[in-house]
Protein backbone atom coordinates (compact mmCIF):
# COMPACT_ATOMS: atom_id res chain seq x y z
CA MET A 1 86.39 -31.68 6.73
CA SER A 2 83.72 -28.63 5.81
CA THR A 3 82.43 -30.52 3.12
CA VAL A 4 81.03 -32.59 5.39
CA ALA A 5 79.79 -31.02 8.35
CA GLN A 6 78.29 -28.51 5.63
CA ARG A 7 76.31 -31.52 4.22
CA ARG A 8 75.62 -32.51 8.54
CA ARG A 9 73.78 -28.90 8.67
CA ARG A 10 69.90 -29.76 9.16
CA PRO A 11 68.11 -27.49 6.98
CA THR A 12 66.96 -23.81 8.57
CA ALA A 13 63.05 -24.01 9.50
CA GLN A 14 61.19 -21.82 7.19
CA PRO A 15 58.72 -19.87 8.77
CA ARG A 16 55.13 -20.64 9.40
CA ARG A 17 52.37 -18.58 7.14
CA GLN A 18 49.53 -16.68 9.24
CA PRO A 19 46.52 -17.64 8.54
CA PRO A 20 44.75 -14.76 6.21
CA ALA A 21 42.72 -12.35 9.11
CA ARG A 22 38.76 -13.68 9.05
CA PRO A 23 36.42 -9.81 8.82
CA PRO A 24 34.76 -8.79 11.84
CA ARG A 25 32.07 -10.01 12.38
CA GLY A 26 28.94 -8.80 14.94
CA PRO A 27 27.64 -5.42 14.62
CA ALA A 28 31.15 -3.92 15.50
CA ALA A 29 31.55 -5.09 12.20
CA ARG A 30 28.50 -3.41 10.36
CA PRO A 31 29.44 0.18 8.88
CA ARG A 32 27.51 2.53 10.38
CA ARG A 33 24.88 4.76 8.53
CA ARG A 34 25.29 7.96 7.90
CA TRP A 35 23.04 10.87 8.10
CA GLU A 36 22.38 11.36 4.41
CA GLU A 37 22.18 7.24 4.36
CA ARG A 38 19.51 7.24 6.94
CA LEU A 39 17.94 10.82 5.48
CA LEU A 40 17.79 9.30 1.46
CA ALA A 41 16.50 6.13 3.38
CA ALA A 42 13.28 8.21 5.11
CA LEU A 43 12.70 9.88 2.02
CA THR A 44 12.33 7.03 0.25
CA TYR A 45 8.33 5.98 1.84
CA PRO A 46 7.01 9.67 0.61
CA ALA A 47 8.56 9.47 -2.47
CA ASN A 48 7.20 5.79 -2.90
CA LEU A 49 3.55 6.93 -2.16
CA VAL A 50 3.83 10.13 -4.28
CA LEU A 51 4.99 8.24 -7.46
CA ALA A 52 2.18 5.88 -6.97
CA GLY A 53 0.22 8.57 -6.36
CA LEU A 54 0.79 10.26 -9.74
CA ALA A 55 0.38 7.01 -11.87
CA ALA A 56 -2.82 5.95 -9.93
CA THR A 57 -4.02 9.82 -10.64
CA VAL A 58 -3.26 9.13 -14.02
CA ILE A 59 -5.49 6.32 -14.63
CA ALA A 60 -8.43 7.51 -12.14
CA LEU A 61 -8.35 10.25 -14.85
CA GLY A 62 -11.57 7.93 -16.75
CA VAL A 63 -13.26 8.36 -13.57
CA VAL A 64 -14.60 4.90 -13.90
CA THR A 65 -11.37 4.08 -13.48
CA VAL A 66 -10.70 4.89 -9.81
CA LEU A 67 -10.94 1.78 -8.71
CA PRO A 68 -9.57 0.09 -10.87
CA ALA A 69 -5.97 2.17 -10.27
CA ALA A 70 -6.35 2.20 -6.31
CA VAL A 71 -5.91 -1.65 -7.09
CA ALA A 72 -3.28 -1.42 -9.47
CA ALA A 73 -1.40 1.21 -6.79
CA SER A 74 -1.75 -1.11 -3.57
CA ARG A 75 -0.76 -4.13 -5.41
CA ALA A 76 2.28 -2.26 -5.97
CA LEU A 77 2.58 -0.80 -2.79
CA ASP A 78 2.55 -4.12 -1.58
CA ALA A 79 5.04 -5.39 -3.74
CA TRP A 80 7.45 -1.95 -1.97
CA LEU A 81 6.49 -2.89 1.75
CA ARG A 82 7.04 -6.53 1.20
CA GLU A 83 9.58 -6.83 -1.00
CA GLY A 84 11.16 -4.09 -1.55
CA GLU A 85 10.47 -3.65 -5.25
CA ASP A 86 10.76 0.13 -5.46
CA ALA A 87 9.89 0.70 -9.00
CA VAL A 88 6.34 1.66 -7.93
CA PHE A 89 5.33 4.33 -10.55
CA THR A 90 6.38 1.52 -13.66
CA GLY A 91 4.89 -0.94 -11.29
CA THR A 92 1.20 -0.21 -11.22
CA PHE A 93 0.48 0.06 -14.80
CA ARG A 94 1.97 -3.54 -14.84
CA GLU A 95 -0.66 -4.23 -12.48
CA LEU A 96 -3.29 -2.50 -13.77
CA ARG A 97 -2.48 -4.57 -17.27
CA ALA A 98 -2.77 -7.37 -15.37
CA THR A 99 -6.02 -6.40 -13.09
CA TRP A 100 -8.03 -3.98 -15.58
CA ARG A 101 -9.95 -7.19 -17.26
CA ARG A 102 -11.10 -7.28 -13.29
CA THR A 103 -11.48 -4.11 -12.00
CA LEU A 104 -12.95 -2.41 -14.76
CA PRO A 105 -16.68 -3.80 -13.29
CA LEU A 106 -15.80 -2.89 -9.81
CA GLY A 107 -15.00 0.27 -10.48
CA VAL A 108 -18.22 1.21 -12.40
CA GLY A 109 -20.45 -0.37 -9.57
CA ALA A 110 -18.86 1.47 -7.05
CA THR A 111 -19.17 4.85 -9.38
CA MET A 112 -22.93 4.20 -10.35
CA CYS A 113 -23.35 3.38 -6.67
CA THR A 114 -21.12 7.06 -5.74
CA ALA A 115 -23.14 9.15 -8.09
CA VAL A 116 -27.02 7.70 -6.52
CA LEU A 117 -25.91 8.27 -3.02
CA THR A 118 -24.20 11.58 -3.68
CA VAL A 119 -28.23 12.44 -5.73
CA ASN A 120 -29.95 10.91 -2.42
CA ALA A 121 -27.95 13.13 -0.24
CA VAL A 122 -28.07 16.18 -1.85
CA PHE A 123 -31.57 15.65 -2.25
CA LEU A 124 -32.49 14.71 1.13
CA TRP A 125 -30.06 17.82 2.25
CA HIS A 126 -32.53 20.08 0.32
CA ARG A 127 -35.81 18.36 1.68
CA SER A 128 -34.46 18.41 5.65
CA GLU A 129 -33.36 21.57 5.80
CA GLY A 130 -35.85 23.10 7.82
CA GLY A 131 -35.46 20.44 9.79
CA THR A 132 -39.46 19.63 9.74
CA ASP A 133 -39.18 16.77 7.61
CA GLY A 134 -38.95 13.76 9.63
CA PRO A 135 -38.40 10.73 7.18
CA ALA A 136 -36.34 13.27 5.48
CA LEU A 137 -33.57 13.18 8.25
CA VAL A 138 -34.47 9.52 8.74
CA LEU A 139 -33.31 8.56 5.23
CA GLY A 140 -30.46 10.89 5.62
CA ALA A 141 -29.06 9.54 8.11
CA ALA A 142 -29.72 6.16 6.87
CA THR A 143 -27.33 7.34 3.40
CA VAL A 144 -24.76 8.57 5.56
CA VAL A 145 -24.43 4.67 7.36
CA VAL A 146 -24.70 3.27 3.29
CA GLY A 147 -21.98 5.55 1.91
CA CYS A 148 -19.51 4.84 5.21
CA ALA A 149 -20.57 0.65 3.80
CA LEU A 150 -19.47 1.26 0.35
CA ALA A 151 -16.17 3.14 1.46
CA LEU A 152 -15.45 0.55 3.59
CA LEU A 153 -15.69 -1.61 0.96
CA VAL A 154 -14.01 0.10 -1.41
CA LEU A 155 -10.91 1.14 0.41
CA ALA A 156 -10.79 -3.19 1.14
CA ILE A 157 -11.35 -4.11 -2.45
CA PRO A 158 -8.01 -2.89 -3.83
CA VAL A 159 -6.11 -5.22 0.10
CA ALA A 160 -8.50 -8.14 -0.76
CA ALA A 161 -6.77 -7.78 -4.08
CA THR A 162 -3.38 -7.65 -2.81
CA ARG A 163 -4.39 -10.89 -0.11
CA SER A 164 -5.92 -13.39 -3.00
CA PRO A 165 -4.07 -11.69 -6.07
CA ASP A 166 -5.01 -14.91 -8.69
CA ALA A 167 -8.96 -14.39 -7.86
CA GLY A 168 -11.76 -13.06 -9.20
CA PRO A 169 -13.60 -9.49 -8.69
CA ARG A 170 -16.52 -11.62 -6.56
CA ALA A 171 -14.48 -13.02 -4.67
CA TRP A 172 -12.46 -9.90 -4.19
CA VAL A 173 -15.28 -8.37 -2.88
CA VAL A 174 -16.72 -11.49 -0.36
CA GLU A 175 -12.74 -10.93 1.14
CA ALA A 176 -12.87 -7.10 1.75
CA ALA A 177 -16.54 -7.85 3.30
CA ALA A 178 -14.90 -9.66 6.09
CA LEU A 179 -12.17 -7.76 6.38
CA VAL A 180 -14.31 -5.15 7.16
CA ALA A 181 -16.73 -7.27 9.44
CA GLY A 182 -13.82 -9.20 10.98
CA ARG A 183 -11.90 -6.29 11.68
CA PRO A 184 -14.36 -3.17 12.77
CA VAL A 185 -12.49 -1.18 15.39
CA ARG A 186 -9.51 -0.95 12.16
CA ALA A 187 -12.18 -0.23 9.72
CA VAL A 188 -13.51 2.59 11.83
CA VAL A 189 -9.95 4.26 12.62
CA LEU A 190 -9.33 3.38 8.54
CA LEU A 191 -12.29 4.89 7.41
CA ALA A 192 -11.58 8.03 10.45
CA LEU A 193 -7.83 8.28 8.57
CA VAL A 194 -9.07 9.02 5.08
CA VAL A 195 -12.13 11.33 6.34
CA ALA A 196 -8.92 12.75 8.08
CA LEU A 197 -7.12 13.30 4.70
CA LEU A 198 -10.20 13.99 2.32
CA ALA A 199 -10.50 17.05 4.42
CA THR A 200 -6.80 18.15 4.23
CA LEU A 201 -7.05 17.92 0.87
CA TRP A 202 -10.05 20.16 0.71
CA LEU A 203 -7.76 22.28 2.38
CA LEU A 204 -4.96 21.79 -0.03
CA PRO A 205 -6.26 20.62 -3.38
CA THR A 206 -2.29 20.34 -5.30
CA LEU A 207 -1.60 18.13 -2.92
CA ALA A 208 -4.44 15.50 -4.35
CA PRO A 209 -2.73 14.65 -7.64
CA PHE A 210 -0.18 12.94 -5.28
CA VAL A 211 -1.60 11.38 -3.06
CA ALA A 212 -5.96 11.07 -2.91
CA ILE A 213 -4.86 7.49 -4.09
CA SER A 214 -2.12 6.42 -3.32
CA VAL A 215 -1.88 7.19 0.63
CA PRO A 216 -5.43 5.68 1.14
CA ALA A 217 -4.33 2.61 -0.34
CA CYS A 218 -1.34 2.45 1.85
CA LEU A 219 -3.44 2.70 4.88
CA ALA A 220 -5.89 0.67 3.83
CA LEU A 221 -2.80 -2.54 3.22
CA VAL A 222 -1.54 -1.21 6.63
CA THR A 223 -5.05 -1.41 8.73
CA LEU A 224 -6.86 -4.10 7.64
CA GLY A 225 -3.17 -6.34 6.70
CA HIS A 226 -1.22 -7.49 3.53
CA GLN A 227 -1.51 -10.89 2.07
CA PRO A 228 -1.59 -13.49 4.45
CA SER A 229 0.92 -15.14 6.16
CA ALA A 230 -0.11 -18.84 5.35
CA GLU A 231 0.28 -17.95 1.53
CA ARG A 232 3.30 -15.44 1.74
CA PRO A 233 6.39 -16.81 -0.07
CA ALA A 234 9.22 -18.41 2.03
C-alpha cells in the first residue's frame, strides 16, 4: 500500500525562476561625475589650445608658414570640437602634411602683403607726425582699413579650409571673403577679440608661443562657423 501511495503522490512544484533584474535606466542610472572628472574635462579646453598652439608655433618658425600653421591648427581644433579628437598636437602636423602644398602660396602672399602694409604704415606715420600732411593722414587711414580687411581675410581662410577641406586655395579665399562679407557683425567682433588678445600678448609675451595662433583660430571657428550642417557627416 505504501508503494502505491508513493506512486500516486504528485510531484512537488519546482520554484519559478525570477527573471534577472534589469539595470535602471534614465538620469538616475548615470553615475554622478566627481568634481575631479569635471575639473579634468574643463582643463581639456585650455590644454588642447596650448598643445595646438605649440605645434602651430613650431610650424610658423618659417615666417611664410604662419598661415599654413593656422590652417593646420584650425582643422585639428575643428576635429576636436566636432568629433572629440583630442590628439590636436599630432593632428596639427597631420593636417599640415595634407594641406601645405595648397596653403604655402597663400602664406607667401599674406606675408608679402603684411610686409608692404607695415612699411607703408610706418612711412605714413612718420610723415603725419606733425599733423600738417593731409595726404599722409588720408593714406594712413586707408592703410588701416585695408589692414583690417586683410586681417579678417587671413582669419577666415582657416575657417574656409575646415568647411571645404578638399577645395583649393582660390576657393578658400573666395569662401573666406564670403564669410566675412556675409557676417559683418561677427567679423567685427572677431577682429576686436583678436586685437584684445594681441594687446594682452604684448604685455605678456611669454604666452605667445602657446596661444598666439591657436586661440585666434579657435575664435574664428566659433565666430564664423564650423563646417556647414549640410556637409557634416551623419
